[in-house]
Amino acid sequence: MNWVKITDRVPTEEECEKDYGWFLIARKNQTRPDVSQYDGHEINYTYYHGWKHAWDDGITHWMPLPDLPKD
């Protein structure tokens, strides 16, 4: 998995179907990754940037969540 720059693209509808739109994200001025939910494809999405929370306007990169261990 590779990080995707938010300026390059946002998650597609198909990517949002997996894990209910939850993604691993990086925010500017933070030293660790976090998680957030993208809802920009919903009819009534919450914020102009398409992410679920107001503070998500600082997201710089995102990637899909990794798969859970099999064992």
PDB file of N, CA and C in Angstrom:
ATOM      1  N   MET A   1       0.832  -1.187   0.000  1.00  0.00           N
ATOM      2  CA  MET A   1       0.000   0.000   0.000  1.00  0.00           C
ATOM      3  C   MET A   1       0.875   1.249   0.000  1.00  0.00           C
ATOM      4  N   ASN A   2       0.463   2.219  -0.744  1.00  0.00           N
ATOM      5  CA  ASN A   2       1.188   3.491  -0.817  1.00  0.00           C
ATOM      6  C   ASN A   2       0.273   4.633  -0.406  1.00  0.00           C
ATOM      7  N   TRP A   3       0.879   5.662   0.158  1.00  0.00           N
ATOM      8  CA  TRP A   3       0.135   6.871   0.507  1.00  0.00           C
ATOM      9  C   TRP A   3      -0.250   7.607  -0.768  1.00  0.00           C
ATOM     10  N   VAL A   4      -1.447   8.171  -0.771  1.00  0.00           N
ATOM     11  CA  VAL A   4      -1.957   8.963  -1.896  1.00  0.00           C
ATOM     12  C   VAL A   4      -2.054  10.407  -1.430  1.00  0.00           C
ATOM     13  N   LYS A   5      -1.487  11.331  -2.199  1.00  0.00           N
ATOM     14  CA  LYS A   5      -1.606  12.750  -1.864  1.00  0.00           C
ATOM     15  C   LYS A   5      -3.043  13.204  -2.080  1.00  0.00           C
ATOM     16  N   ILE A   6      -3.555  13.947  -1.134  1.00  0.00           N
ATOM     17  CA  ILE A   6      -4.929  14.441  -1.220  1.00  0.00           C
ATOM     18  C   ILE A   6      -5.088  15.397  -2.403  1.00  0.00           C
ATOM     19  N   THR A   7      -3.988  16.038  -2.811  1.00  0.00           N
ATOM     20  CA  THR A   7      -4.051  16.947  -3.957  1.00  0.00           C
ATOM     21  C   THR A   7      -4.087  16.179  -5.274  1.00  0.00           C
ATOM     22  N   ASP A   8      -3.686  14.901  -5.250  1.00  0.00           N
ATOM     23  CA  ASP A   8      -3.746  14.080  -6.467  1.00  0.00           C
ATOM     24  C   ASP A   8      -5.143  13.530  -6.709  1.00  0.00           C
ATOM     25  N   ARG A   9      -5.758  13.019  -5.635  1.00  0.00           N
ATOM     26  CA  ARG A   9      -7.132  12.499  -5.766  1.00  0.00           C
ATOM     27  C   ARG A   9      -7.685  12.148  -4.402  1.00  0.00           C
ATOM     28  N   VAL A  10      -9.009  12.024  -4.333  1.00  0.00           N
ATOM     29  CA  VAL A  10      -9.694  11.562  -3.124  1.00  0.00           C
ATOM     30  C   VAL A  10     -10.124  10.112  -3.357  1.00  0.00           C
ATOM     31  N   PRO A  11     -10.529   9.410  -2.323  1.00  0.00           N
ATOM     32  CA  PRO A  11     -10.974   8.029  -2.504  1.00  0.00           C
ATOM     33  C   PRO A  11     -12.168   7.931  -3.453  1.00  0.00           C
ATOM     34  N   THR A  12     -12.168   6.889  -4.266  1.00  0.00           N
ATOM     35  CA  THR A  12     -13.285   6.652  -5.184  1.00  0.00           C
ATOM     36  C   THR A  12     -14.452   6.029  -4.430  1.00  0.00           C
ATOM     37  N   GLU A  13     -15.612   5.987  -5.073  1.00  0.00           N
ATOM     38  CA  GLU A  13     -16.772   5.341  -4.456  1.00  0.00           C
ATOM     39  C   GLU A  13     -16.480   3.880  -4.160  1.00  0.00           C
ATOM     40  N   GLU A  14     -15.795   3.211  -5.084  1.00  0.00           N
ATOM     41  CA  GLU A  14     -15.458   1.800  -4.892  1.00  0.00           C
ATOM     42  C   GLU A  14     -14.529   1.619  -3.693  1.00  0.00           C
ATOM     43  N   GLU A  15     -13.548   2.501  -3.541  1.00  0.00           N
ATOM     44  CA  GLU A  15     -12.644   2.417  -2.396  1.00  0.00           C
ATOM     45  C   GLU A  15     -13.390   2.678  -1.085  1.00  0.00           C
ATOM     46  N   CYS A  16     -14.425   3.511  -1.141  1.00  0.00           N
ATOM     47  CA  CYS A  16     -15.196   3.825   0.056  1.00  0.00           C
ATOM     48  C   CYS A  16     -16.116   2.675   0.473  1.00  0.00           C
ATOM     49  N   GLU A  17     -16.450   1.787  -0.442  1.00  0.00           N
ATOM     50  CA  GLU A  17     -17.307   0.658  -0.103  1.00  0.00           C
ATOM     51  C   GLU A  17     -16.618  -0.295   0.865  1.00  0.00           C
ATOM     52  N   LYS A  18     -15.311  -0.444   0.728  1.00  0.00           N
ATOM     53  CA  LYS A  18     -14.556  -1.296   1.647  1.00  0.00           C
ATOM     54  C   LYS A  18     -14.379  -0.534   2.959  1.00  0.00           C
ATOM     55  N   ASP A  19     -14.570  -1.199   4.051  1.00  0.00           N
ATOM     56  CA  ASP A  19     -14.374  -0.623   5.390  1.00  0.00           C
ATOM     57  C   ASP A  19     -15.264   0.594   5.650  1.00  0.00           C
ATOM     58  N   TYR A  20     -16.387   0.698   4.948  1.00  0.00           N
ATOM     59  CA  TYR A  20     -17.369   1.773   5.175  1.00  0.00           C
ATOM     60  C   TYR A  20     -16.771   3.172   5.049  1.00  0.00           C
ATOM     61  N   GLY A  21     -15.784   3.324   4.191  1.00  0.00           N
ATOM     62  CA  GLY A  21     -15.204   4.633   3.934  1.00  0.00           C
ATOM     63  C   GLY A  21     -14.112   5.056   4.893  1.00  0.00           C
ATOM     64  N   TRP A  22     -13.648   4.154   5.759  1.00  0.00           N
ATOM     65  CA  TRP A  22     -12.570   4.483   6.696  1.00  0.00           C
ATOM     66  C   TRP A  22     -11.222   4.311   6.027  1.00  0.00           C
ATOM     67  N   PHE A  23     -10.329   5.266   6.285  1.00  0.00           N
ATOM     68  CA  PHE A  23      -8.996   5.267   5.687  1.00  0.00           C
ATOM     69  C   PHE A  23      -7.956   5.668   6.718  1.00  0.00           C
ATOM     70  N   LEU A  24      -6.746   5.225   6.487  1.00  0.00           N
ATOM     71  CA  LEU A  24      -5.597   5.699   7.249  1.00  0.00           C
ATOM     72  C   LEU A  24      -5.221   7.047   6.650  1.00  0.00           C
ATOM     73  N   ILE A  25      -4.994   8.048   7.488  1.00  0.00           N
ATOM     74  CA  ILE A  25      -4.711   9.393   6.977  1.00  0.00           C
ATOM     75  C   ILE A  25      -3.483   9.988   7.657  1.00  0.00           C
ATOM     76  N   ALA A  26      -2.902  10.967   6.997  1.00  0.00           N
ATOM     77  CA  ALA A  26      -1.824  11.776   7.573  1.00  0.00           C
ATOM     78  C   ALA A  26      -2.277  13.229   7.507  1.00  0.00           C
ATOM     79  N   ARG A  27      -2.073  13.941   8.606  1.00  0.00           N
ATOM     80  CA  ARG A  27      -2.413  15.367   8.659  1.00  0.00           C
ATOM     81  C   ARG A  27      -1.137  16.178   8.768  1.00  0.00           C
ATOM     82  N   LYS A  28      -1.174  17.404   8.233  1.00  0.00           N
ATOM     83  CA  LYS A  28      -0.006  18.269   8.368  1.00  0.00           C
ATOM     84  C   LYS A  28       0.260  18.553   9.843  1.00  0.00           C
ATOM     85  N   ASN A  29       1.532  18.662  10.178  1.00  0.00           N
ATOM     86  CA  ASN A  29       1.991  18.954  11.542  1.00  0.00           C
ATOM     87  C   ASN A  29       1.689  17.845  12.541  1.00  0.00           C
ATOM     88  N   GLN A  30       1.445  16.620  12.076  1.00  0.00           N
ATOM     89  CA  GLN A  30       1.291  15.490  12.979  1.00  0.00           C
ATOM     90  C   GLN A  30       2.380  14.464  12.686  1.00  0.00           C
ATOM     91  N   THR A  31       2.780  13.730  13.704  1.00  0.00           N
ATOM     92  CA  THR A  31       3.882  12.788  13.546  1.00  0.00           C
ATOM     93  C   THR A  31       3.438  11.336  13.480  1.00  0.00           C
ATOM     94  N   ARG A  32       2.143  11.092  13.534  1.00  0.00           N
ATOM     95  CA  ARG A  32       1.647   9.719  13.453  1.00  0.00           C
ATOM     96  C   ARG A  32       0.394   9.669  12.593  1.00  0.00           C
ATOM     97  N   PRO A  33       0.122   8.533  11.970  1.00  0.00           N
ATOM     98  CA  PRO A  33      -1.103   8.420  11.173  1.00  0.00           C
ATOM     99  C   PRO A  33      -2.334   8.349  12.072  1.00  0.00           C
ATOM    100  N   ASP A  34      -3.471   8.577  11.476  1.00  0.00           N
ATOM    101  CA  ASP A  34      -4.750   8.542  12.173  1.00  0.00           C
ATOM    102  C   ASP A  34      -5.748   7.880  11.231  1.00  0.00           C
ATOM    103  N   VAL A  35      -7.000   7.787  11.614  1.00  0.00           N
ATOM    104  CA  VAL A  35      -8.041   7.267  10.737  1.00  0.00           C
ATOM    105  C   VAL A  35      -9.153   8.303  10.615  1.00  0.00           C
ATOM    106  N   SER A  36      -9.810   8.294   9.471  1.00  0.00           N
ATOM    107  CA  SER A  36     -10.980   9.131   9.268  1.00  0.00           C
ATOM    108  C   SER A  36     -11.853   8.484   8.196  1.00  0.00           C
ATOM    109  N   GLN A  37     -13.054   8.985   8.077  1.00  0.00           N
ATOM    110  CA  GLN A  37     -14.020   8.436   7.138  1.00  0.00           C
ATOM    111  C   GLN A  37     -14.302   9.454   6.043  1.00  0.00           C
ATOM    112  N   TYR A  38     -14.233   9.001   4.793  1.00  0.00           N
ATOM    113  CA  TYR A  38     -14.535   9.874   3.659  1.00  0.00           C
ATOM    114  C   TYR A  38     -15.996   9.689   3.281  1.00  0.00           C
ATOM    115  N   ASP A  39     -16.744  10.779   3.200  1.00  0.00           N
ATOM    116  CA  ASP A  39     -18.155  10.701   2.806  1.00  0.00           C
ATOM    117  C   ASP A  39     -18.483  11.680   1.687  1.00  0.00           C
ATOM    118  N   GLY A  40     -17.499  12.081   0.918  1.00  0.00           N
ATOM    119  CA  GLY A  40     -17.688  13.051  -0.150  1.00  0.00           C
ATOM    120  C   GLY A  40     -18.549  12.574  -1.306  1.00  0.00           C
ATOM    121  N   HIS A  41     -18.845  11.272  -1.355  1.00  0.00           N
ATOM    122  CA  HIS A  41     -19.702  10.740  -2.417  1.00  0.00           C
ATOM    123  C   HIS A  41     -21.160  10.649  -1.977  1.00  0.00           C
ATOM    124  N   GLU A  42     -21.426  10.928  -0.706  1.00  0.00           N
ATOM    125  CA  GLU A  42     -22.800  10.907  -0.202  1.00  0.00           C
ATOM    126  C   GLU A  42     -23.545  12.141  -0.713  1.00  0.00           C
ATOM    127  N   ILE A  43     -24.836  12.060  -0.796  1.00  0.00           N
ATOM    128  CA  ILE A  43     -25.643  13.190  -1.274  1.00  0.00           C
ATOM    129  C   ILE A  43     -25.511  14.378  -0.327  1.00  0.00           C
ATOM    130  N   ASN A  44     -25.577  14.129   0.955  1.00  0.00           N
ATOM    131  CA  ASN A  44     -25.481  15.192   1.952  1.00  0.00           C
ATOM    132  C   ASN A  44     -24.198  15.036   2.755  1.00  0.00           C
ATOM    133  N   TYR A  45     -23.049  15.133   2.086  1.00  0.00           N
ATOM    134  CA  TYR A  45     -21.813  14.980   2.846  1.00  0.00           C
ATOM    135  C   TYR A  45     -21.631  16.164   3.782  1.00  0.00           C
ATOM    136  N   THR A  46     -20.876  15.919   4.833  1.00  0.00           N
ATOM    137  CA  THR A  46     -20.833  16.835   5.963  1.00  0.00           C
ATOM    138  C   THR A  46     -20.042  18.112   5.702  1.00  0.00           C
ATOM    139  N   TYR A  47     -18.802  17.990   5.204  1.00  0.00           N
ATOM    140  CA  TYR A  47     -17.941  19.162   5.055  1.00  0.00           C
ATOM    141  C   TYR A  47     -17.491  19.301   3.609  1.00  0.00           C
ATOM    142  N   TYR A  48     -17.131  20.502   3.215  1.00  0.00           N
ATOM    143  CA  TYR A  48     -16.767  20.803   1.831  1.00  0.00           C
ATOM    144  C   TYR A  48     -15.601  19.946   1.335  1.00  0.00           C
ATOM    145  N   HIS A  49     -14.717  19.523   2.234  1.00  0.00           N
ATOM    146  CA  HIS A  49     -13.563  18.721   1.828  1.00  0.00           C
ATOM    147  C   HIS A  49     -13.907  17.243   1.677  1.00  0.00           C
ATOM    148  N   GLY A  50     -15.118  16.842   2.054  1.00  0.00           N
ATOM    149  CA  GLY A  50     -15.579  15.480   1.842  1.00  0.00           C
ATOM    150  C   GLY A  50     -15.274  14.501   2.958  1.00  0.00           C
ATOM    151  N   TRP A  51     -14.435  14.877   3.915  1.00  0.00           N
ATOM    152  CA  TRP A  51     -14.112  13.990   5.032  1.00  0.00           C
ATOM    153  C   TRP A  51     -15.116  14.218   6.144  1.00  0.00           C
ATOM    154  N   LYS A  52     -15.213  13.295   7.057  1.00  0.00           N
ATOM    155  CA  LYS A  52     -16.293  13.249   8.037  1.00  0.00           C
ATOM    156  C   LYS A  52     -16.224  14.308   9.133  1.00  0.00           C
ATOM    157  N   HIS A  53     -15.028  14.837   9.439  1.00  0.00           N
ATOM    158  CA  HIS A  53     -14.878  15.758  10.563  1.00  0.00           C
ATOM    159  C   HIS A  53     -14.331  17.112  10.116  1.00  0.00           C
ATOM    160  N   ALA A  54     -14.660  18.147  10.855  1.00  0.00           N
ATOM    161  CA  ALA A  54     -14.226  19.507  10.513  1.00  0.00           C
ATOM    162  C   ALA A  54     -12.707  19.623  10.485  1.00  0.00           C
ATOM    163  N   TRP A  55     -12.020  18.972  11.418  1.00  0.00           N
ATOM    164  CA  TRP A  55     -10.550  19.084  11.495  1.00  0.00           C
ATOM    165  C   TRP A  55      -9.842  18.314  10.390  1.00  0.00           C
ATOM    166  N   ASP A  56     -10.578  17.580   9.562  1.00  0.00           N
ATOM    167  CA  ASP A  56      -9.965  16.817   8.476  1.00  0.00           C
ATOM    168  C   ASP A  56      -9.549  17.677   7.289  1.00  0.00           C
ATOM    169  N   ASP A  57      -9.727  18.980   7.359  1.00  0.00           N
ATOM    170  CA  ASP A  57      -9.256  19.832   6.259  1.00  0.00           C
ATOM    171  C   ASP A  57      -7.734  19.889   6.225  1.00  0.00           C
ATOM    172  N   GLY A  58      -7.064  19.353   7.257  1.00  0.00           N
ATOM    173  CA  GLY A  58      -5.610  19.322   7.292  1.00  0.00           C
ATOM    174  C   GLY A  58      -5.014  18.022   6.776  1.00  0.00           C
ATOM    175  N   ILE A  59      -5.833  17.148   6.190  1.00  0.00           N
ATOM    176  CA  ILE A  59      -5.321  15.880   5.671  1.00  0.00           C
ATOM    177  C   ILE A  59      -4.421  16.153   4.472  1.00  0.00           C
ATOM    178  N   THR A  60      -3.256  15.512   4.470  1.00  0.00           N
ATOM    179  CA  THR A  60      -2.326  15.655   3.346  1.00  0.00           C
ATOM    180  C   THR A  60      -2.231  14.381   2.509  1.00  0.00           C
ATOM    181  N   HIS A  61      -2.427  13.215   3.140  1.00  0.00           N
ATOM    182  CA  HIS A  61      -2.320  11.928   2.458  1.00  0.00           C
ATOM    183  C   HIS A  61      -3.336  10.947   3.044  1.00  0.00           C
ATOM    184  N   TRP A  62      -3.659   9.910   2.284  1.00  0.00           N
ATOM    185  CA  TRP A  62      -4.551   8.859   2.749  1.00  0.00           C
ATOM    186  C   TRP A  62      -4.150   7.533   2.107  1.00  0.00           C
ATOM    187  N   MET A  63      -4.604   6.431   2.705  1.00  0.00           N
ATOM    188  CA  MET A  63      -4.432   5.105   2.121  1.00  0.00           C
ATOM    189  C   MET A  63      -5.497   4.186   2.696  1.00  0.00           C
ATOM    190  N   PRO A  64      -5.838   3.114   1.968  1.00  0.00           N
ATOM    191  CA  PRO A  64      -6.812   2.145   2.507  1.00  0.00           C
ATOM    192  C   PRO A  64      -6.285   1.502   3.786  1.00  0.00           C
ATOM    193  N   LEU A  65      -7.205   1.075   4.623  1.00  0.00           N
ATOM    194  CA  LEU A  65      -6.811   0.349   5.828  1.00  0.00           C
ATOM    195  C   LEU A  65      -6.215  -0.996   5.420  1.00  0.00           C
ATOM    196  N   PRO A  66      -5.216  -1.465   6.154  1.00  0.00           N
ATOM    197  CA  PRO A  66      -4.662  -2.783   5.832  1.00  0.00           C
ATOM    198  C   PRO A  66      -5.663  -3.884   6.196  1.00  0.00           C
ATOM    199  N   ASP A  67      -5.501  -5.046   5.580  1.00  0.00           N
ATOM    200  CA  ASP A  67      -6.337  -6.194   5.925  1.00  0.00           C
ATOM    201  C   ASP A  67      -5.961  -6.700   7.313  1.00  0.00           C
ATOM    202  N   LEU A  68      -6.938  -7.274   7.992  1.00  0.00           N
ATOM    203  CA  LEU A  68      -6.686  -7.865   9.298  1.00  0.00           C
ATOM    204  C   LEU A  68      -5.868  -9.147   9.153  1.00  0.00           C
ATOM    205  N   PRO A  69      -5.157  -9.539  10.185  1.00  0.00           N
ATOM    206  CA  PRO A  69      -4.416 -10.797  10.118  1.00  0.00           C
ATOM    207  C   PRO A  69      -5.353 -11.975   9.910  1.00  0.00           C
ATOM    208  N   LYS A  70      -4.897 -12.971   9.218  1.00  0.00           N
ATOM    209  CA  LYS A  70      -5.731 -14.142   8.915  1.00  0.00           C
ATOM    210  C   LYS A  70      -5.786 -15.119  10.084  1.00  0.00           C
ATOM    211  N   ASP A  71      -4.764 -15.135  10.955  1.00  0.00           N
ATOM    212  CA  ASP A  71      -4.747 -16.103  12.055  1.00  0.00           C
ATOM    213  C   ASP A  71      -5.044 -15.486  13.395  1.00  0.00           C
TER     214      ASP A  71
END
